[in-house]
Amino acid sequence: MLLAIAAAKMLAVSCTLHSGFRGGFIFPLFYIGAAVGLAVALAVPQIHPTIGMICMMAAVNVAITKTPISITVIISVLSDTAMVSVIASFVSFLLTTQVSLIHTQRSRSSEEDSPNVSTSVSEAFS
């Protein structure tokens, strides 16, 4: 049931974002991660539910947004845990560096994609 809820939330978020409604996807991704993390914790009894939820919340957000530091800070403040979300965030970031799910996101690895600031500033003032 939790996996069905997570899938329904993914569908709802994609429909609202692609249809032009305002709003973000950070907290819906937290919800999806928490639902999947709880499902994993229920399937594997050795994983504590809170740890499973926090790790999946961090991993899902970082996989989509590619922002491991800010997601770690947000989850650390919300859950009062530190190292668990750090580890999950960076593992997710390393595993998904080549996967881009947000097509408008700029690549961090190549300098060709980033604009030349000195050229654009000099053109703006001339």
PDB file of N, CA and C in Angstrom:
ATOM      1  N   MET A   1       0.825  -1.195   0.000  1.00  0.00           N
ATOM      2  CA  MET A   1       0.000   0.000   0.000  1.00  0.00           C
ATOM      3  C   MET A   1       0.872   1.264   0.000  1.00  0.00           C
ATOM      4  N   LEU A   2       1.979   1.233   0.769  1.00  0.00           N
ATOM      5  CA  LEU A   2       2.864   2.395   0.814  1.00  0.00           C
ATOM      6  C   LEU A   2       3.509   2.673  -0.543  1.00  0.00           C
ATOM      7  N   LEU A   3       3.863   1.632  -1.256  1.00  0.00           N
ATOM      8  CA  LEU A   3       4.450   1.824  -2.585  1.00  0.00           C
ATOM      9  C   LEU A   3       3.423   2.373  -3.565  1.00  0.00           C
ATOM     10  N   ALA A   4       2.169   1.957  -3.424  1.00  0.00           N
ATOM     11  CA  ALA A   4       1.103   2.500  -4.272  1.00  0.00           C
ATOM     12  C   ALA A   4       0.872   3.982  -3.960  1.00  0.00           C
ATOM     13  N   ILE A   5       0.956   4.339  -2.685  1.00  0.00           N
ATOM     14  CA  ILE A   5       0.817   5.746  -2.296  1.00  0.00           C
ATOM     15  C   ILE A   5       1.963   6.575  -2.877  1.00  0.00           C
ATOM     16  N   ALA A   6       3.181   6.042  -2.811  1.00  0.00           N
ATOM     17  CA  ALA A   6       4.337   6.756  -3.369  1.00  0.00           C
ATOM     18  C   ALA A   6       4.193   6.924  -4.883  1.00  0.00           C
ATOM     19  N   ALA A   7       3.731   5.890  -5.560  1.00  0.00           N
ATOM     20  CA  ALA A   7       3.535   5.979  -7.011  1.00  0.00           C
ATOM     21  C   ALA A   7       2.443   6.995  -7.355  1.00  0.00           C
ATOM     22  N   ALA A   8       1.362   7.005  -6.572  1.00  0.00           N
ATOM     23  CA  ALA A   8       0.293   7.977  -6.808  1.00  0.00           C
ATOM     24  C   ALA A   8       0.780   9.399  -6.571  1.00  0.00           C
ATOM     25  N   LYS A   9       1.622   9.589  -5.570  1.00  0.00           N
ATOM     26  CA  LYS A   9       2.168  10.919  -5.301  1.00  0.00           C
ATOM     27  C   LYS A   9       3.096  11.359  -6.431  1.00  0.00           C
ATOM     28  N   MET A  10       3.902  10.428  -6.963  1.00  0.00           N
ATOM     29  CA  MET A  10       4.761  10.761  -8.103  1.00  0.00           C
ATOM     30  C   MET A  10       3.925  11.190  -9.301  1.00  0.00           C
ATOM     31  N   LEU A  11       2.843  10.486  -9.563  1.00  0.00           N
ATOM     32  CA  LEU A  11       1.962  10.835 -10.672  1.00  0.00           C
ATOM     33  C   LEU A  11       1.315  12.202 -10.441  1.00  0.00           C
ATOM     34  N   ALA A  12       0.867  12.453  -9.220  1.00  0.00           N
ATOM     35  CA  ALA A  12       0.234  13.736  -8.915  1.00  0.00           C
ATOM     36  C   ALA A  12       1.216  14.891  -9.055  1.00  0.00           C
ATOM     37  N   VAL A  13       2.437  14.713  -8.577  1.00  0.00           N
ATOM     38  CA  VAL A  13       3.442  15.776  -8.687  1.00  0.00           C
ATOM     39  C   VAL A  13       3.796  16.034 -10.141  1.00  0.00           C
ATOM     40  N   SER A  14       3.958  14.985 -10.921  1.00  0.00           N
ATOM     41  CA  SER A  14       4.297  15.190 -12.333  1.00  0.00           C
ATOM     42  C   SER A  14       3.154  15.868 -13.079  1.00  0.00           C
ATOM     43  N   CYS A  15       1.925  15.531 -12.767  1.00  0.00           N
ATOM     44  CA  CYS A  15       0.787  16.179 -13.429  1.00  0.00           C
ATOM     45  C   CYS A  15       0.693  17.656 -13.062  1.00  0.00           C
ATOM     46  N   THR A  16       0.878  17.984 -11.784  1.00  0.00           N
ATOM     47  CA  THR A  16       0.756  19.385 -11.384  1.00  0.00           C
ATOM     48  C   THR A  16       1.910  20.223 -11.922  1.00  0.00           C
ATOM     49  N   LEU A  17       3.121  19.686 -11.923  1.00  0.00           N
ATOM     50  CA  LEU A  17       4.259  20.466 -12.418  1.00  0.00           C
ATOM     51  C   LEU A  17       4.218  20.654 -13.926  1.00  0.00           C
ATOM     52  N   HIS A  18       3.818  19.636 -14.662  1.00  0.00           N
ATOM     53  CA  HIS A  18       3.793  19.737 -16.118  1.00  0.00           C
ATOM     54  C   HIS A  18       2.580  20.501 -16.644  1.00  0.00           C
ATOM     55  N   SER A  19       1.568  20.670 -15.813  1.00  0.00           N
ATOM     56  CA  SER A  19       0.408  21.419 -16.273  1.00  0.00           C
ATOM     57  C   SER A  19       0.503  22.906 -15.952  1.00  0.00           C
ATOM     58  N   GLY A  20       1.599  23.320 -15.324  1.00  0.00           N
ATOM     59  CA  GLY A  20       1.824  24.740 -15.120  1.00  0.00           C
ATOM     60  C   GLY A  20       1.428  25.280 -13.764  1.00  0.00           C
ATOM     61  N   PHE A  21       0.998  24.438 -12.847  1.00  0.00           N
ATOM     62  CA  PHE A  21       0.649  24.924 -11.517  1.00  0.00           C
ATOM     63  C   PHE A  21       1.907  25.364 -10.778  1.00  0.00           C
ATOM     64  N   ARG A  22       1.749  26.349  -9.922  1.00  0.00           N
ATOM     65  CA  ARG A  22       2.872  26.818  -9.121  1.00  0.00           C
ATOM     66  C   ARG A  22       3.104  25.838  -7.986  1.00  0.00           C
ATOM     67  N   GLY A  23       4.316  25.836  -7.527  1.00  0.00           N
ATOM     68  CA  GLY A  23       4.661  24.980  -6.398  1.00  0.00           C
ATOM     69  C   GLY A  23       5.927  24.220  -6.687  1.00  0.00           C
ATOM     70  N   GLY A  24       6.478  23.688  -5.656  1.00  0.00           N
ATOM     71  CA  GLY A  24       7.727  22.977  -5.802  1.00  0.00           C
ATOM     72  C   GLY A  24       7.549  21.483  -5.706  1.00  0.00           C
ATOM     73  N   PHE A  25       8.670  20.814  -5.712  1.00  0.00           N
ATOM     74  CA  PHE A  25       8.620  19.363  -5.629  1.00  0.00           C
ATOM     75  C   PHE A  25       9.512  18.818  -4.527  1.00  0.00           C
ATOM     76  N   ILE A  26      10.106  19.685  -3.704  1.00  0.00           N
ATOM     77  CA  ILE A  26      11.005  19.230  -2.653  1.00  0.00           C
ATOM     78  C   ILE A  26      10.234  18.458  -1.575  1.00  0.00           C
ATOM     79  N   PHE A  27       9.198  19.041  -1.032  1.00  0.00           N
ATOM     80  CA  PHE A  27       8.466  18.366   0.034  1.00  0.00           C
ATOM     81  C   PHE A  27       7.630  17.188  -0.473  1.00  0.00           C
ATOM     82  N   PRO A  28       7.062  17.228  -1.671  1.00  0.00           N
ATOM     83  CA  PRO A  28       6.465  15.996  -2.195  1.00  0.00           C
ATOM     84  C   PRO A  28       7.485  14.865  -2.360  1.00  0.00           C
ATOM     85  N   LEU A  29       8.724  15.217  -2.731  1.00  0.00           N
ATOM     86  CA  LEU A  29       9.759  14.189  -2.817  1.00  0.00           C
ATOM     87  C   LEU A  29      10.108  13.647  -1.433  1.00  0.00           C
ATOM     88  N   PHE A  30      10.059  14.499  -0.408  1.00  0.00           N
ATOM     89  CA  PHE A  30      10.233  14.003   0.963  1.00  0.00           C
ATOM     90  C   PHE A  30       9.150  12.988   1.305  1.00  0.00           C
ATOM     91  N   TYR A  31       7.923  13.289   0.920  1.00  0.00           N
ATOM     92  CA  TYR A  31       6.807  12.386   1.200  1.00  0.00           C
ATOM     93  C   TYR A  31       6.988  11.051   0.484  1.00  0.00           C
ATOM     94  N   ILE A  32       7.377  11.108  -0.775  1.00  0.00           N
ATOM     95  CA  ILE A  32       7.608   9.881  -1.550  1.00  0.00           C
ATOM     96  C   ILE A  32       8.719   9.057  -0.911  1.00  0.00           C
ATOM     97  N   GLY A  33       9.814   9.717  -0.530  1.00  0.00           N
ATOM     98  CA  GLY A  33      10.916   9.015   0.114  1.00  0.00           C
ATOM     99  C   GLY A  33      10.516   8.404   1.441  1.00  0.00           C
ATOM    100  N   ALA A  34       9.721   9.115   2.216  1.00  0.00           N
ATOM    101  CA  ALA A  34       9.275   8.581   3.506  1.00  0.00           C
ATOM    102  C   ALA A  34       8.380   7.363   3.319  1.00  0.00           C
ATOM    103  N   ALA A  35       7.494   7.403   2.340  1.00  0.00           N
ATOM    104  CA  ALA A  35       6.613   6.252   2.091  1.00  0.00           C
ATOM    105  C   ALA A  35       7.410   5.030   1.633  1.00  0.00           C
ATOM    106  N   VAL A  36       8.358   5.238   0.725  1.00  0.00           N
ATOM    107  CA  VAL A  36       9.185   4.128   0.242  1.00  0.00           C
ATOM    108  C   VAL A  36      10.094   3.622   1.366  1.00  0.00           C
ATOM    109  N   GLY A  37      10.659   4.532   2.151  1.00  0.00           N
ATOM    110  CA  GLY A  37      11.516   4.133   3.266  1.00  0.00           C
ATOM    111  C   GLY A  37      10.781   3.329   4.310  1.00  0.00           C
ATOM    112  N   LEU A  38       9.553   3.703   4.610  1.00  0.00           N
ATOM    113  CA  LEU A  38       8.753   2.923   5.560  1.00  0.00           C
ATOM    114  C   LEU A  38       8.403   1.561   4.982  1.00  0.00           C
ATOM    115  N   ALA A  39       8.127   1.505   3.684  1.00  0.00           N
ATOM    116  CA  ALA A  39       7.841   0.214   3.041  1.00  0.00           C
ATOM    117  C   ALA A  39       9.064  -0.702   3.106  1.00  0.00           C
ATOM    118  N   VAL A  40      10.246  -0.130   2.878  1.00  0.00           N
ATOM    119  CA  VAL A  40      11.475  -0.923   2.965  1.00  0.00           C
ATOM    120  C   VAL A  40      11.703  -1.400   4.398  1.00  0.00           C
ATOM    121  N   ALA A  41      11.462  -0.513   5.369  1.00  0.00           N
ATOM    122  CA  ALA A  41      11.650  -0.884   6.773  1.00  0.00           C
ATOM    123  C   ALA A  41      10.667  -1.967   7.210  1.00  0.00           C
ATOM    124  N   LEU A  42       9.468  -1.949   6.670  1.00  0.00           N
ATOM    125  CA  LEU A  42       8.508  -3.005   6.996  1.00  0.00           C
ATOM    126  C   LEU A  42       8.870  -4.325   6.321  1.00  0.00           C
ATOM    127  N   ALA A  43       9.478  -4.243   5.147  1.00  0.00           N
ATOM    128  CA  ALA A  43       9.878  -5.463   4.435  1.00  0.00           C
ATOM    129  C   ALA A  43      11.138  -6.075   5.033  1.00  0.00           C
ATOM    130  N   VAL A  44      12.029  -5.237   5.550  1.00  0.00           N
ATOM    131  CA  VAL A  44      13.282  -5.708   6.161  1.00  0.00           C
ATOM    132  C   VAL A  44      13.244  -5.313   7.634  1.00  0.00           C
ATOM    133  N   PRO A  45      12.921  -6.237   8.531  1.00  0.00           N
ATOM    134  CA  PRO A  45      12.732  -5.874   9.945  1.00  0.00           C
ATOM    135  C   PRO A  45      13.994  -5.365  10.650  1.00  0.00           C
ATOM    136  N   GLN A  46      15.176  -5.591  10.098  1.00  0.00           N
ATOM    137  CA  GLN A  46      16.409  -5.121  10.726  1.00  0.00           C
ATOM    138  C   GLN A  46      16.602  -3.611  10.576  1.00  0.00           C
ATOM    139  N   ILE A  47      15.888  -2.991   9.673  1.00  0.00           N
ATOM    140  CA  ILE A  47      15.996  -1.545   9.457  1.00  0.00           C
ATOM    141  C   ILE A  47      14.955  -0.841  10.317  1.00  0.00           C
ATOM    142  N   HIS A  48      15.421   0.103  11.118  1.00  0.00           N
ATOM    143  CA  HIS A  48      14.499   0.894  11.937  1.00  0.00           C
ATOM    144  C   HIS A  48      13.680   1.796  11.013  1.00  0.00           C
ATOM    145  N   PRO A  49      12.376   1.907  11.245  1.00  0.00           N
ATOM    146  CA  PRO A  49      11.532   2.702  10.338  1.00  0.00           C
ATOM    147  C   PRO A  49      11.975   4.159  10.181  1.00  0.00           C
ATOM    148  N   THR A  50      12.404   4.786  11.272  1.00  0.00           N
ATOM    149  CA  THR A  50      12.838   6.181  11.177  1.00  0.00           C
ATOM    150  C   THR A  50      14.081   6.315  10.310  1.00  0.00           C
ATOM    151  N   ILE A  51      15.030   5.414  10.479  1.00  0.00           N
ATOM    152  CA  ILE A  51      16.260   5.454   9.687  1.00  0.00           C
ATOM    153  C   ILE A  51      15.950   5.193   8.213  1.00  0.00           C
ATOM    154  N   GLY A  52      15.088   4.226   7.948  1.00  0.00           N
ATOM    155  CA  GLY A  52      14.707   3.942   6.564  1.00  0.00           C
ATOM    156  C   GLY A  52      14.031   5.121   5.897  1.00  0.00           C
ATOM    157  N   MET A  53      13.152   5.791   6.633  1.00  0.00           N
ATOM    158  CA  MET A  53      12.441   6.934   6.078  1.00  0.00           C
ATOM    159  C   MET A  53      13.379   8.110   5.819  1.00  0.00           C
ATOM    160  N   ILE A  54      14.264   8.407   6.775  1.00  0.00           N
ATOM    161  CA  ILE A  54      15.188   9.528   6.608  1.00  0.00           C
ATOM    162  C   ILE A  54      16.141   9.273   5.445  1.00  0.00           C
ATOM    163  N   CYS A  55      16.662   8.057   5.366  1.00  0.00           N
ATOM    164  CA  CYS A  55      17.596   7.740   4.275  1.00  0.00           C
ATOM    165  C   CYS A  55      16.918   7.841   2.913  1.00  0.00           C
ATOM    166  N   MET A  56      15.718   7.332   2.791  1.00  0.00           N
ATOM    167  CA  MET A  56      15.030   7.405   1.504  1.00  0.00           C
ATOM    168  C   MET A  56      14.581   8.823   1.172  1.00  0.00           C
ATOM    169  N   MET A  57      14.210   9.599   2.185  1.00  0.00           N
ATOM    170  CA  MET A  57      13.868  10.998   1.935  1.00  0.00           C
ATOM    171  C   MET A  57      15.067  11.735   1.336  1.00  0.00           C
ATOM    172  N   ALA A  58      16.236  11.510   1.917  1.00  0.00           N
ATOM    173  CA  ALA A  58      17.450  12.155   1.415  1.00  0.00           C
ATOM    174  C   ALA A  58      17.818  11.618   0.036  1.00  0.00           C
ATOM    175  N   ALA A  59      17.779  10.306  -0.131  1.00  0.00           N
ATOM    176  CA  ALA A  59      18.216   9.698  -1.389  1.00  0.00           C
ATOM    177  C   ALA A  59      17.323  10.104  -2.564  1.00  0.00           C
ATOM    178  N   VAL A  60      16.028  10.114  -2.370  1.00  0.00           N
ATOM    179  CA  VAL A  60      15.104  10.469  -3.458  1.00  0.00           C
ATOM    180  C   VAL A  60      15.292  11.932  -3.856  1.00  0.00           C
ATOM    181  N   ASN A  61      15.386  12.820  -2.872  1.00  0.00           N
ATOM    182  CA  ASN A  61      15.563  14.236  -3.178  1.00  0.00           C
ATOM    183  C   ASN A  61      16.875  14.512  -3.884  1.00  0.00           C
ATOM    184  N   VAL A  62      17.942  13.905  -3.420  1.00  0.00           N
ATOM    185  CA  VAL A  62      19.245  14.145  -4.039  1.00  0.00           C
ATOM    186  C   VAL A  62      19.294  13.540  -5.433  1.00  0.00           C
ATOM    187  N   ALA A  63      18.656  12.402  -5.632  1.00  0.00           N
ATOM    188  CA  ALA A  63      18.642  11.789  -6.959  1.00  0.00           C
ATOM    189  C   ALA A  63      17.944  12.686  -7.976  1.00  0.00           C
ATOM    190  N   ILE A  64      16.930  13.396  -7.551  1.00  0.00           N
ATOM    191  CA  ILE A  64      16.184  14.260  -8.467  1.00  0.00           C
ATOM    192  C   ILE A  64      16.836  15.639  -8.586  1.00  0.00           C
ATOM    193  N   THR A  65      17.149  16.269  -7.460  1.00  0.00           N
ATOM    194  CA  THR A  65      17.588  17.666  -7.495  1.00  0.00           C
ATOM    195  C   THR A  65      19.095  17.853  -7.578  1.00  0.00           C
ATOM    196  N   LYS A  66      19.868  16.836  -7.267  1.00  0.00           N
ATOM    197  CA  LYS A  66      21.340  16.903  -7.279  1.00  0.00           C
ATOM    198  C   LYS A  66      21.871  17.989  -6.341  1.00  0.00           C
ATOM    199  N   THR A  67      21.253  18.130  -5.168  1.00  0.00           N
ATOM    200  CA  THR A  67      21.678  19.103  -4.169  1.00  0.00           C
ATOM    201  C   THR A  67      21.902  18.403  -2.830  1.00  0.00           C
ATOM    202  N   PRO A  68      23.015  17.678  -2.677  1.00  0.00           N
ATOM    203  CA  PRO A  68      23.196  16.883  -1.463  1.00  0.00           C
ATOM    204  C   PRO A  68      23.380  17.703  -0.194  1.00  0.00           C
ATOM    205  N   ILE A  69      24.004  18.858  -0.289  1.00  0.00           N
ATOM    206  CA  ILE A  69      24.279  19.622   0.929  1.00  0.00           C
ATOM    207  C   ILE A  69      22.999  20.263   1.467  1.00  0.00           C
ATOM    208  N   SER A  70      22.228  20.901   0.608  1.00  0.00           N
ATOM    209  CA  SER A  70      21.017  21.560   1.095  1.00  0.00           C
ATOM    210  C   SER A  70      19.984  20.548   1.584  1.00  0.00           C
ATOM    211  N   ILE A  71      19.862  19.428   0.911  1.00  0.00           N
ATOM    212  CA  ILE A  71      18.923  18.396   1.358  1.00  0.00           C
ATOM    213  C   ILE A  71      19.361  17.835   2.701  1.00  0.00           C
ATOM    214  N   THR A  72      20.662  17.645   2.885  1.00  0.00           N
ATOM    215  CA  THR A  72      21.173  17.152   4.160  1.00  0.00           C
ATOM    216  C   THR A  72      20.876  18.130   5.287  1.00  0.00           C
ATOM    217  N   VAL A  73      21.046  19.415   5.027  1.00  0.00           N
ATOM    218  CA  VAL A  73      20.762  20.424   6.046  1.00  0.00           C
ATOM    219  C   VAL A  73      19.276  20.430   6.391  1.00  0.00           C
ATOM    220  N   ILE A  74      18.419  20.395   5.394  1.00  0.00           N
ATOM    221  CA  ILE A  74      16.972  20.410   5.637  1.00  0.00           C
ATOM    222  C   ILE A  74      16.549  19.193   6.448  1.00  0.00           C
ATOM    223  N   ILE A  75      17.002  18.013   6.049  1.00  0.00           N
ATOM    224  CA  ILE A  75      16.597  16.795   6.760  1.00  0.00           C
ATOM    225  C   ILE A  75      17.204  16.754   8.157  1.00  0.00           C
ATOM    226  N   SER A  76      18.429  17.227   8.310  1.00  0.00           N
ATOM    227  CA  SER A  76      19.046  17.251   9.635  1.00  0.00           C
ATOM    228  C   SER A  76      18.276  18.153  10.591  1.00  0.00           C
ATOM    229  N   VAL A  77      17.820  19.279  10.095  1.00  0.00           N
ATOM    230  CA  VAL A  77      17.047  20.191  10.940  1.00  0.00           C
ATOM    231  C   VAL A  77      15.673  19.612  11.247  1.00  0.00           C
ATOM    232  N   LEU A  78      15.020  19.034  10.243  1.00  0.00           N
ATOM    233  CA  LEU A  78      13.677  18.499  10.453  1.00  0.00           C
ATOM    234  C   LEU A  78      13.654  17.263  11.345  1.00  0.00           C
ATOM    235  N   SER A  79      14.671  16.410  11.242  1.00  0.00           N
ATOM    236  CA  SER A  79      14.625  15.131  11.964  1.00  0.00           C
ATOM    237  C   SER A  79      15.572  15.054  13.152  1.00  0.00           C
ATOM    238  N   ASP A  80      16.409  16.058  13.353  1.00  0.00           N
ATOM    239  CA  ASP A  80      17.383  16.082  14.439  1.00  0.00           C
ATOM    240  C   ASP A  80      18.366  14.906  14.354  1.00  0.00           C
ATOM    241  N   THR A  81      18.725  14.547  13.131  1.00  0.00           N
ATOM    242  CA  THR A  81      19.766  13.548  12.892  1.00  0.00           C
ATOM    243  C   THR A  81      20.789  14.171  11.966  1.00  0.00           C
ATOM    244  N   ALA A  82      22.019  13.669  12.031  1.00  0.00           N
ATOM    245  CA  ALA A  82      23.053  14.300  11.213  1.00  0.00           C
ATOM    246  C   ALA A  82      23.669  13.333  10.211  1.00  0.00           C
ATOM    247  N   MET A  83      24.380  12.363  10.674  1.00  0.00           N
ATOM    248  CA  MET A  83      25.190  11.530   9.791  1.00  0.00           C
ATOM    249  C   MET A  83      24.378  10.621   8.876  1.00  0.00           C
ATOM    250  N   VAL A  84      23.215  10.205   9.294  1.00  0.00           N
ATOM    251  CA  VAL A  84      22.417   9.299   8.471  1.00  0.00           C
ATOM    252  C   VAL A  84      22.035   9.960   7.159  1.00  0.00           C
ATOM    253  N   SER A  85      21.565  11.184   7.219  1.00  0.00           N
ATOM    254  CA  SER A  85      21.155  11.864   5.992  1.00  0.00           C
ATOM    255  C   SER A  85      22.356  12.273   5.152  1.00  0.00           C
ATOM    256  N   VAL A  86      23.499  12.537   5.787  1.00  0.00           N
ATOM    257  CA  VAL A  86      24.707  12.880   5.040  1.00  0.00           C
ATOM    258  C   VAL A  86      25.150  11.699   4.192  1.00  0.00           C
ATOM    259  N   ILE A  87      25.207  10.535   4.798  1.00  0.00           N
ATOM    260  CA  ILE A  87      25.644   9.331   4.081  1.00  0.00           C
ATOM    261  C   ILE A  87      24.675   8.995   2.958  1.00  0.00           C
ATOM    262  N   ALA A  88      23.387   9.010   3.244  1.00  0.00           N
ATOM    263  CA  ALA A  88      22.393   8.684   2.218  1.00  0.00           C
ATOM    264  C   ALA A  88      22.426   9.697   1.073  1.00  0.00           C
ATOM    265  N   SER A  89      22.607  10.969   1.390  1.00  0.00           N
ATOM    266  CA  SER A  89      22.650  11.998   0.350  1.00  0.00           C
ATOM    267  C   SER A  89      23.833  11.814  -0.581  1.00  0.00           C
ATOM    268  N   PHE A  90      24.999  11.597  -0.021  1.00  0.00           N
ATOM    269  CA  PHE A  90      26.179  11.497  -0.869  1.00  0.00           C
ATOM    270  C   PHE A  90      26.246  10.182  -1.638  1.00  0.00           C
ATOM    271  N   VAL A  91      25.728   9.101  -1.067  1.00  0.00           N
ATOM    272  CA  VAL A  91      25.653   7.847  -1.821  1.00  0.00           C
ATOM    273  C   VAL A  91      24.696   8.014  -2.998  1.00  0.00           C
ATOM    274  N   SER A  92      23.555   8.636  -2.756  1.00  0.00           N
ATOM    275  CA  SER A  92      22.600   8.875  -3.840  1.00  0.00           C
ATOM    276  C   SER A  92      23.193   9.799  -4.898  1.00  0.00           C
ATOM    277  N   PHE A  93      23.913  10.828  -4.477  1.00  0.00           N
ATOM    278  CA  PHE A  93      24.526  11.757  -5.424  1.00  0.00           C
ATOM    279  C   PHE A  93      25.565  11.053  -6.292  1.00  0.00           C
ATOM    280  N   LEU A  94      26.379  10.212  -5.678  1.00  0.00           N
ATOM    281  CA  LEU A  94      27.403   9.495  -6.444  1.00  0.00           C
ATOM    282  C   LEU A  94      26.793   8.485  -7.409  1.00  0.00           C
ATOM    283  N   LEU A  95      25.706   7.845  -7.011  1.00  0.00           N
ATOM    284  CA  LEU A  95      25.089   6.839  -7.870  1.00  0.00           C
ATOM    285  C   LEU A  95      24.269   7.436  -9.004  1.00  0.00           C
ATOM    286  N   THR A  96      23.840   8.681  -8.865  1.00  0.00           N
ATOM    287  CA  THR A  96      22.960   9.278  -9.877  1.00  0.00           C
ATOM    288  C   THR A  96      23.562  10.494 -10.561  1.00  0.00           C
ATOM    289  N   THR A  97      24.877  10.638 -10.545  1.00  0.00           N
ATOM    290  CA  THR A  97      25.474  11.821 -11.173  1.00  0.00           C
ATOM    291  C   THR A  97      25.238  11.863 -12.674  1.00  0.00           C
ATOM    292  N   GLN A  98      25.143  10.738 -13.329  1.00  0.00           N
ATOM    293  CA  GLN A  98      24.950  10.708 -14.780  1.00  0.00           C
ATOM    294  C   GLN A  98      23.480  10.724 -15.186  1.00  0.00           C
ATOM    295  N   VAL A  99      22.572  10.648 -14.214  1.00  0.00           N
ATOM    296  CA  VAL A  99      21.136  10.604 -14.498  1.00  0.00           C
ATOM    297  C   VAL A  99      20.557  11.991 -14.264  1.00  0.00           C
ATOM    298  N   SER A 100      19.875  12.535 -15.271  1.00  0.00           N
ATOM    299  CA  SER A 100      19.250  13.838 -15.135  1.00  0.00           C
ATOM    300  C   SER A 100      17.751  13.699 -15.368  1.00  0.00           C
ATOM    301  N   LEU A 101      16.966  13.959 -14.328  1.00  0.00           N
ATOM    302  CA  LEU A 101      15.517  13.867 -14.459  1.00  0.00           C
ATOM    303  C   LEU A 101      14.858  15.224 -14.640  1.00  0.00           C
ATOM    304  N   ILE A 102      15.584  16.288 -14.338  1.00  0.00           N
ATOM    305  CA  ILE A 102      15.083  17.636 -14.571  1.00  0.00           C
ATOM    306  C   ILE A 102      15.852  18.174 -15.769  1.00  0.00           C
ATOM    307  N   HIS A 103      15.182  18.312 -16.895  1.00  0.00           N
ATOM    308  CA  HIS A 103      15.851  18.646 -18.147  1.00  0.00           C
ATOM    309  C   HIS A 103      16.348  20.083 -18.209  1.00  0.00           C
ATOM    310  N   THR A 104      15.813  20.960 -17.377  1.00  0.00           N
ATOM    311  CA  THR A 104      16.272  22.348 -17.375  1.00  0.00           C
ATOM    312  C   THR A 104      17.454  22.568 -16.457  1.00  0.00           C
ATOM    313  N   GLN A 105      17.886  21.526 -15.769  1.00  0.00           N
ATOM    314  CA  GLN A 105      19.006  21.630 -14.843  1.00  0.00           C
ATOM    315  C   GLN A 105      20.319  21.703 -15.604  1.00  0.00           C
ATOM    316  N   ARG A 106      21.202  22.622 -15.194  1.00  0.00           N
ATOM    317  CA  ARG A 106      22.506  22.741 -15.835  1.00  0.00           C
ATOM    318  C   ARG A 106      23.456  21.691 -15.296  1.00  0.00           C
ATOM    319  N   SER A 107      24.363  21.252 -16.128  1.00  0.00           N
ATOM    320  CA  SER A 107      25.375  20.290 -15.732  1.00  0.00           C
ATOM    321  C   SER A 107      26.447  20.986 -14.917  1.00  0.00           C
ATOM    322  N   ARG A 108      26.942  20.328 -13.890  1.00  0.00           N
ATOM    323  CA  ARG A 108      27.996  20.889 -13.056  1.00  0.00           C
ATOM    324  C   ARG A 108      29.370  20.478 -13.537  1.00  0.00           C
ATOM    325  N   SER A 109      29.443  19.514 -14.442  1.00  0.00           N
ATOM    326  CA  SER A 109      30.736  18.953 -14.803  1.00  0.00           C
ATOM    327  C   SER A 109      31.418  19.678 -15.951  1.00  0.00           C
ATOM    328  N   SER A 110      30.681  20.260 -16.865  1.00  0.00           N
ATOM    329  CA  SER A 110      31.322  20.883 -18.017  1.00  0.00           C
ATOM    330  C   SER A 110      31.205  22.397 -17.944  1.00  0.00           C
ATOM    331  N   GLU A 111      32.250  23.055 -18.386  1.00  0.00           N
ATOM    332  CA  GLU A 111      32.245  24.511 -18.384  1.00  0.00           C
ATOM    333  C   GLU A 111      31.558  25.082 -19.615  1.00  0.00           C
ATOM    334  N   GLU A 112      31.292  24.247 -20.602  1.00  0.00           N
ATOM    335  CA  GLU A 112      30.640  24.721 -21.818  1.00  0.00           C
ATOM    336  C   GLU A 112      29.214  25.151 -21.559  1.00  0.00           C
ATOM    337  N   ASP A 113      28.547  24.504 -20.593  1.00  0.00           N
ATOM    338  CA  ASP A 113      27.153  24.811 -20.314  1.00  0.00           C
ATOM    339  C   ASP A 113      26.983  26.091 -19.505  1.00  0.00           C
ATOM    340  N   SER A 114      28.022  26.485 -18.751  1.00  0.00           N
ATOM    341  CA  SER A 114      27.885  27.668 -17.918  1.00  0.00           C
ATOM    342  C   SER A 114      28.244  28.911 -18.730  1.00  0.00           C
ATOM    343  N   PRO A 115      27.492  29.983 -18.537  1.00  0.00           N
ATOM    344  CA  PRO A 115      27.760  31.198 -19.310  1.00  0.00           C
ATOM    345  C   PRO A 115      29.047  31.862 -18.844  1.00  0.00           C
ATOM    346  N   ASN A 116      29.694  32.545 -19.761  1.00  0.00           N
ATOM    347  CA  ASN A 116      30.904  33.272 -19.434  1.00  0.00           C
ATOM    348  C   ASN A 116      30.489  34.608 -18.825  1.00  0.00           C
ATOM    349  N   VAL A 117      30.721  34.757 -17.524  1.00  0.00           N
ATOM    350  CA  VAL A 117      30.239  35.934 -16.806  1.00  0.00           C
ATOM    351  C   VAL A 117      30.936  37.194 -17.279  1.00  0.00           C
ATOM    352  N   SER A 118      32.226  37.140 -17.507  1.00  0.00           N
ATOM    353  CA  SER A 118      32.939  38.357 -17.915  1.00  0.00           C
ATOM    354  C   SER A 118      32.469  38.855 -19.272  1.00  0.00           C
ATOM    355  N   THR A 119      32.156  37.939 -20.195  1.00  0.00           N
ATOM    356  CA  THR A 119      31.664  38.339 -21.511  1.00  0.00           C
ATOM    357  C   THR A 119      30.276  38.951 -21.404  1.00  0.00           C
ATOM    358  N   SER A 120      29.390  38.326 -20.629  1.00  0.00           N
ATOM    359  CA  SER A 120      28.025  38.842 -20.540  1.00  0.00           C
ATOM    360  C   SER A 120      27.967  40.149 -19.790  1.00  0.00           C
ATOM    361  N   VAL A 121      28.842  40.359 -18.804  1.00  0.00           N
ATOM    362  CA  VAL A 121      28.867  41.615 -18.075  1.00  0.00           C
ATOM    363  C   VAL A 121      29.400  42.727 -18.967  1.00  0.00           C
ATOM    364  N   SER A 122      30.467  42.450 -19.714  1.00  0.00           N
ATOM    365  CA  SER A 122      31.016  43.495 -20.591  1.00  0.00           C
ATOM    366  C   SER A 122      30.045  43.836 -21.717  1.00  0.00           C
ATOM    367  N   GLU A 123      29.283  42.846 -22.212  1.00  0.00           N
ATOM    368  CA  GLU A 123      28.289  43.132 -23.253  1.00  0.00           C
ATOM    369  C   GLU A 123      27.127  43.942 -22.699  1.00  0.00           C
ATOM    370  N   ALA A 124      26.796  43.724 -21.441  1.00  0.00           N
ATOM    371  CA  ALA A 124      25.666  44.437 -20.842  1.00  0.00           C
ATOM    372  C   ALA A 124      25.973  45.918 -20.656  1.00  0.00           C
ATOM    373  N   PHE A 125      27.233  46.258 -20.382  1.00  0.00           N
ATOM    374  CA  PHE A 125      27.595  47.647 -20.137  1.00  0.00           C
ATOM    375  C   PHE A 125      28.094  48.377 -21.386  1.00  0.00           C
ATOM    376  N   SER A 126      28.160  47.705 -22.525  1.00  0.00           N
ATOM    377  CA  SER A 126      28.634  48.396 -23.722  1.00  0.00           C
ATOM    378  C   SER A 126      27.513  48.832 -24.618  1.00  0.00           C
TER     379      SER A 126
END
